[in-house]
Amino acid sequence: FNWGVVATSKPTTLWVSRFLEGGVLILDPLSGELMHRVSLSFGVRSLLSDPVTGLVWAAASYSGKLWALEQSPPYERRSFNLCGQTRDIVSDVDGRVTVATDCGLYRIDPSAWGQRE
């Protein structure tokens, strides 16, 4: 499939990736009403909602692009350029994200962002 779906709890929303359009639709889970549209890049397929950090992770299949998005407006984001096609995204109990690509594994720790900037 060329799409992904995740649910968030704060706020309660349903995120659906749009592969060809290159972004995500954020829907009301009860009514299905479109609440927001976030443009990213062609090929967005994989989505992960991380309850520890409150971020939604979106990966483009073929370009190696990865985004960490806040779950609520204005949907601030941080982007990453990884090598290879994204195969999978998982998070651990501390909110660290591991991304599997054709080039290997990437480990991203959002808790360290404020310490290095």
C-alpha atoms as a PDB file:
ATOM      1  CA  PHE A   1       0.000   0.000   0.000  1.00  0.00           C
ATOM      2  CA  ASN A   2       1.127   3.536  -0.641  1.00  0.00           C
ATOM      3  CA  TRP A   3      -0.386   5.107   2.445  1.00  0.00           C
ATOM      4  CA  GLY A   4      -0.166   5.017   6.214  1.00  0.00           C
ATOM      5  CA  VAL A   5      -2.628   5.812   8.999  1.00  0.00           C
ATOM      6  CA  VAL A   6      -2.010   6.684  12.666  1.00  0.00           C
ATOM      7  CA  ALA A   7      -4.189   8.010  15.476  1.00  0.00           C
ATOM      8  CA  THR A   8      -3.114  10.642  17.999  1.00  0.00           C
ATOM      9  CA  SER A   9      -4.635  11.359  21.401  1.00  0.00           C
ATOM     10  CA  LYS A  10      -3.626  14.985  22.111  1.00  0.00           C
ATOM     11  CA  PRO A  11      -5.562  16.175  20.202  1.00  0.00           C
ATOM     12  CA  THR A  12      -7.618  13.185  19.082  1.00  0.00           C
ATOM     13  CA  THR A  13      -7.016  13.007  15.339  1.00  0.00           C
ATOM     14  CA  LEU A  14      -6.471  10.554  12.524  1.00  0.00           C
ATOM     15  CA  TRP A  15      -3.466  11.144  10.245  1.00  0.00           C
ATOM     16  CA  VAL A  16      -3.497   9.691   6.713  1.00  0.00           C
ATOM     17  CA  SER A  17      -0.471   9.902   4.420  1.00  0.00           C
ATOM     18  CA  ARG A  18      -0.953  10.956   0.791  1.00  0.00           C
ATOM     19  CA  PHE A  19       1.736   9.290  -1.314  1.00  0.00           C
ATOM     20  CA  LEU A  20       1.261  11.101  -4.640  1.00  0.00           C
ATOM     21  CA  GLU A  21       0.232  14.446  -3.147  1.00  0.00           C
ATOM     22  CA  GLY A  22       3.200  14.358  -0.769  1.00  0.00           C
ATOM     23  CA  GLY A  23       1.720  15.135   2.600  1.00  0.00           C
ATOM     24  CA  VAL A  24      -0.714  14.122   5.313  1.00  0.00           C
ATOM     25  CA  LEU A  25      -4.385  14.741   5.932  1.00  0.00           C
ATOM     26  CA  ILE A  26      -5.442  15.268   9.536  1.00  0.00           C
ATOM     27  CA  LEU A  27      -9.015  14.156  10.119  1.00  0.00           C
ATOM     28  CA  ASP A  28     -11.573  14.193  12.907  1.00  0.00           C
ATOM     29  CA  PRO A  29     -11.792  10.468  13.787  1.00  0.00           C
ATOM     30  CA  LEU A  30     -15.523  10.555  14.515  1.00  0.00           C
ATOM     31  CA  SER A  31     -16.869  12.590  11.603  1.00  0.00           C
ATOM     32  CA  GLY A  32     -14.077  12.035   9.064  1.00  0.00           C
ATOM     33  CA  GLU A  33     -13.993  15.811   8.517  1.00  0.00           C
ATOM     34  CA  LEU A  34     -10.731  17.220   7.157  1.00  0.00           C
ATOM     35  CA  MET A  35      -9.192  19.400   9.866  1.00  0.00           C
ATOM     36  CA  HIS A  36      -5.788  20.182   8.338  1.00  0.00           C
ATOM     37  CA  ARG A  37      -3.560  19.346   5.391  1.00  0.00           C
ATOM     38  CA  VAL A  38       0.228  19.337   5.864  1.00  0.00           C
ATOM     39  CA  SER A  39       2.401  19.417   2.745  1.00  0.00           C
ATOM     40  CA  LEU A  40       5.691  17.528   2.902  1.00  0.00           C
ATOM     41  CA  SER A  41       7.131  15.785  -0.185  1.00  0.00           C
ATOM     42  CA  PHE A  42       6.247  13.197  -2.818  1.00  0.00           C
ATOM     43  CA  GLY A  43       6.186   9.610  -1.577  1.00  0.00           C
ATOM     44  CA  VAL A  44       5.071  10.039   2.049  1.00  0.00           C
ATOM     45  CA  ARG A  45       3.981   6.585   3.139  1.00  0.00           C
ATOM     46  CA  SER A  46       5.144   5.520   6.609  1.00  0.00           C
ATOM     47  CA  LEU A  47       3.673   7.172   9.704  1.00  0.00           C
ATOM     48  CA  LEU A  48       4.386   6.665  13.400  1.00  0.00           C
ATOM     49  CA  SER A  49       2.712   8.391  16.350  1.00  0.00           C
ATOM     50  CA  ASP A  50       5.017   8.457  19.374  1.00  0.00           C
ATOM     51  CA  PRO A  51       3.157   8.997  22.676  1.00  0.00           C
ATOM     52  CA  VAL A  52       6.368   9.681  24.635  1.00  0.00           C
ATOM     53  CA  THR A  53       7.448  12.740  22.623  1.00  0.00           C
ATOM     54  CA  GLY A  54       4.042  13.705  21.216  1.00  0.00           C
ATOM     55  CA  LEU A  55       5.492  13.668  17.703  1.00  0.00           C
ATOM     56  CA  VAL A  56       4.166  12.139  14.504  1.00  0.00           C
ATOM     57  CA  TRP A  57       6.934  10.782  12.283  1.00  0.00           C
ATOM     58  CA  ALA A  58       6.409  10.718   8.511  1.00  0.00           C
ATOM     59  CA  ALA A  59       8.781   9.109   6.006  1.00  0.00           C
ATOM     60  CA  ALA A  60       8.900   9.411   2.234  1.00  0.00           C
ATOM     61  CA  SER A  61       9.526   6.033   0.675  1.00  0.00           C
ATOM     62  CA  TYR A  62      12.003   6.777  -2.089  1.00  0.00           C
ATOM     63  CA  SER A  63      13.710  10.070  -1.249  1.00  0.00           C
ATOM     64  CA  GLY A  64      15.068   9.309   2.222  1.00  0.00           C
ATOM     65  CA  LYS A  65      13.186  12.270   3.688  1.00  0.00           C
ATOM     66  CA  LEU A  66      11.899  11.988   7.259  1.00  0.00           C
ATOM     67  CA  TRP A  67       9.905  14.491   9.326  1.00  0.00           C
ATOM     68  CA  ALA A  68       9.060  14.830  12.999  1.00  0.00           C
ATOM     69  CA  LEU A  69       5.825  16.830  13.334  1.00  0.00           C
ATOM     70  CA  GLU A  70       4.061  18.211  16.379  1.00  0.00           C
ATOM     71  CA  GLN A  71       0.607  16.678  16.856  1.00  0.00           C
ATOM     72  CA  SER A  72      -1.225  20.002  17.058  1.00  0.00           C
ATOM     73  CA  PRO A  73      -1.324  23.253  15.055  1.00  0.00           C
ATOM     74  CA  PRO A  74       0.764  24.860  13.690  1.00  0.00           C
ATOM     75  CA  TYR A  75       2.376  21.397  13.160  1.00  0.00           C
ATOM     76  CA  GLU A  76       5.954  22.568  13.604  1.00  0.00           C
ATOM     77  CA  ARG A  77       8.338  20.106  11.986  1.00  0.00           C
ATOM     78  CA  ARG A  78      11.939  19.031  11.840  1.00  0.00           C
ATOM     79  CA  SER A  79      13.219  17.330   8.700  1.00  0.00           C
ATOM     80  CA  PHE A  80      15.985  14.802   8.086  1.00  0.00           C
ATOM     81  CA  ASN A  81      17.657  13.585   4.897  1.00  0.00           C
ATOM     82  CA  LEU A  82      18.505   9.904   5.218  1.00  0.00           C
ATOM     83  CA  CYS A  83      20.173   7.566   2.760  1.00  0.00           C
ATOM     84  CA  GLY A  84      18.028   5.000   0.989  1.00  0.00           C
ATOM     85  CA  GLN A  85      14.416   3.957   0.899  1.00  0.00           C
ATOM     86  CA  THR A  86      12.639   3.914   4.269  1.00  0.00           C
ATOM     87  CA  ARG A  87      11.531   0.403   5.223  1.00  0.00           C
ATOM     88  CA  ASP A  88      10.271   0.808   8.795  1.00  0.00           C
ATOM     89  CA  ILE A  89      10.040   3.230  11.735  1.00  0.00           C
ATOM     90  CA  VAL A  90       9.782   2.225  15.406  1.00  0.00           C
ATOM     91  CA  SER A  91      10.087   4.061  18.707  1.00  0.00           C
ATOM     92  CA  ASP A  92      11.192   2.829  22.123  1.00  0.00           C
ATOM     93  CA  VAL A  93       9.893   3.588  25.626  1.00  0.00           C
ATOM     94  CA  ASP A  94      12.155   6.672  25.848  1.00  0.00           C
ATOM     95  CA  GLY A  95      10.878   8.226  22.603  1.00  0.00           C
ATOM     96  CA  ARG A  96      13.975   7.418  20.559  1.00  0.00           C
ATOM     97  CA  VAL A  97      13.162   6.520  16.963  1.00  0.00           C
ATOM     98  CA  THR A  98      14.915   3.918  14.841  1.00  0.00           C
ATOM     99  CA  VAL A  99      14.486   4.141  11.074  1.00  0.00           C
ATOM    100  CA  ALA A 100      15.412   1.199   8.839  1.00  0.00           C
ATOM    101  CA  THR A 101      16.498   2.126   5.305  1.00  0.00           C
ATOM    102  CA  ASP A 102      18.274   0.412   2.427  1.00  0.00           C
ATOM    103  CA  CYS A 103      21.514   1.979   3.717  1.00  0.00           C
ATOM    104  CA  GLY A 104      21.174   0.799   7.309  1.00  0.00           C
ATOM    105  CA  LEU A 105      19.655   1.923  10.608  1.00  0.00           C
ATOM    106  CA  TYR A 106      19.333   5.491  11.885  1.00  0.00           C
ATOM    107  CA  ARG A 107      18.691   6.310  15.541  1.00  0.00           C
ATOM    108  CA  ILE A 108      17.156   9.691  16.381  1.00  0.00           C
ATOM    109  CA  ASP A 109      16.782  10.960  19.951  1.00  0.00           C
ATOM    110  CA  PRO A 110      14.424  13.965  20.174  1.00  0.00           C
ATOM    111  CA  SER A 111      15.316  14.510  23.849  1.00  0.00           C
ATOM    112  CA  ALA A 112      18.826  15.548  22.753  1.00  0.00           C
ATOM    113  CA  TRP A 113      17.671  18.261  20.326  1.00  0.00           C
ATOM    114  CA  GLY A 114      17.618  21.117  22.839  1.00  0.00           C
ATOM    115  CA  GLN A 115      21.028  20.152  24.238  1.00  0.00           C
ATOM    116  CA  ARG A 116      22.875  20.570  20.920  1.00  0.00           C
ATOM    117  CA  GLU A 117      21.236  23.685  19.564  1.00  0.00           C
END
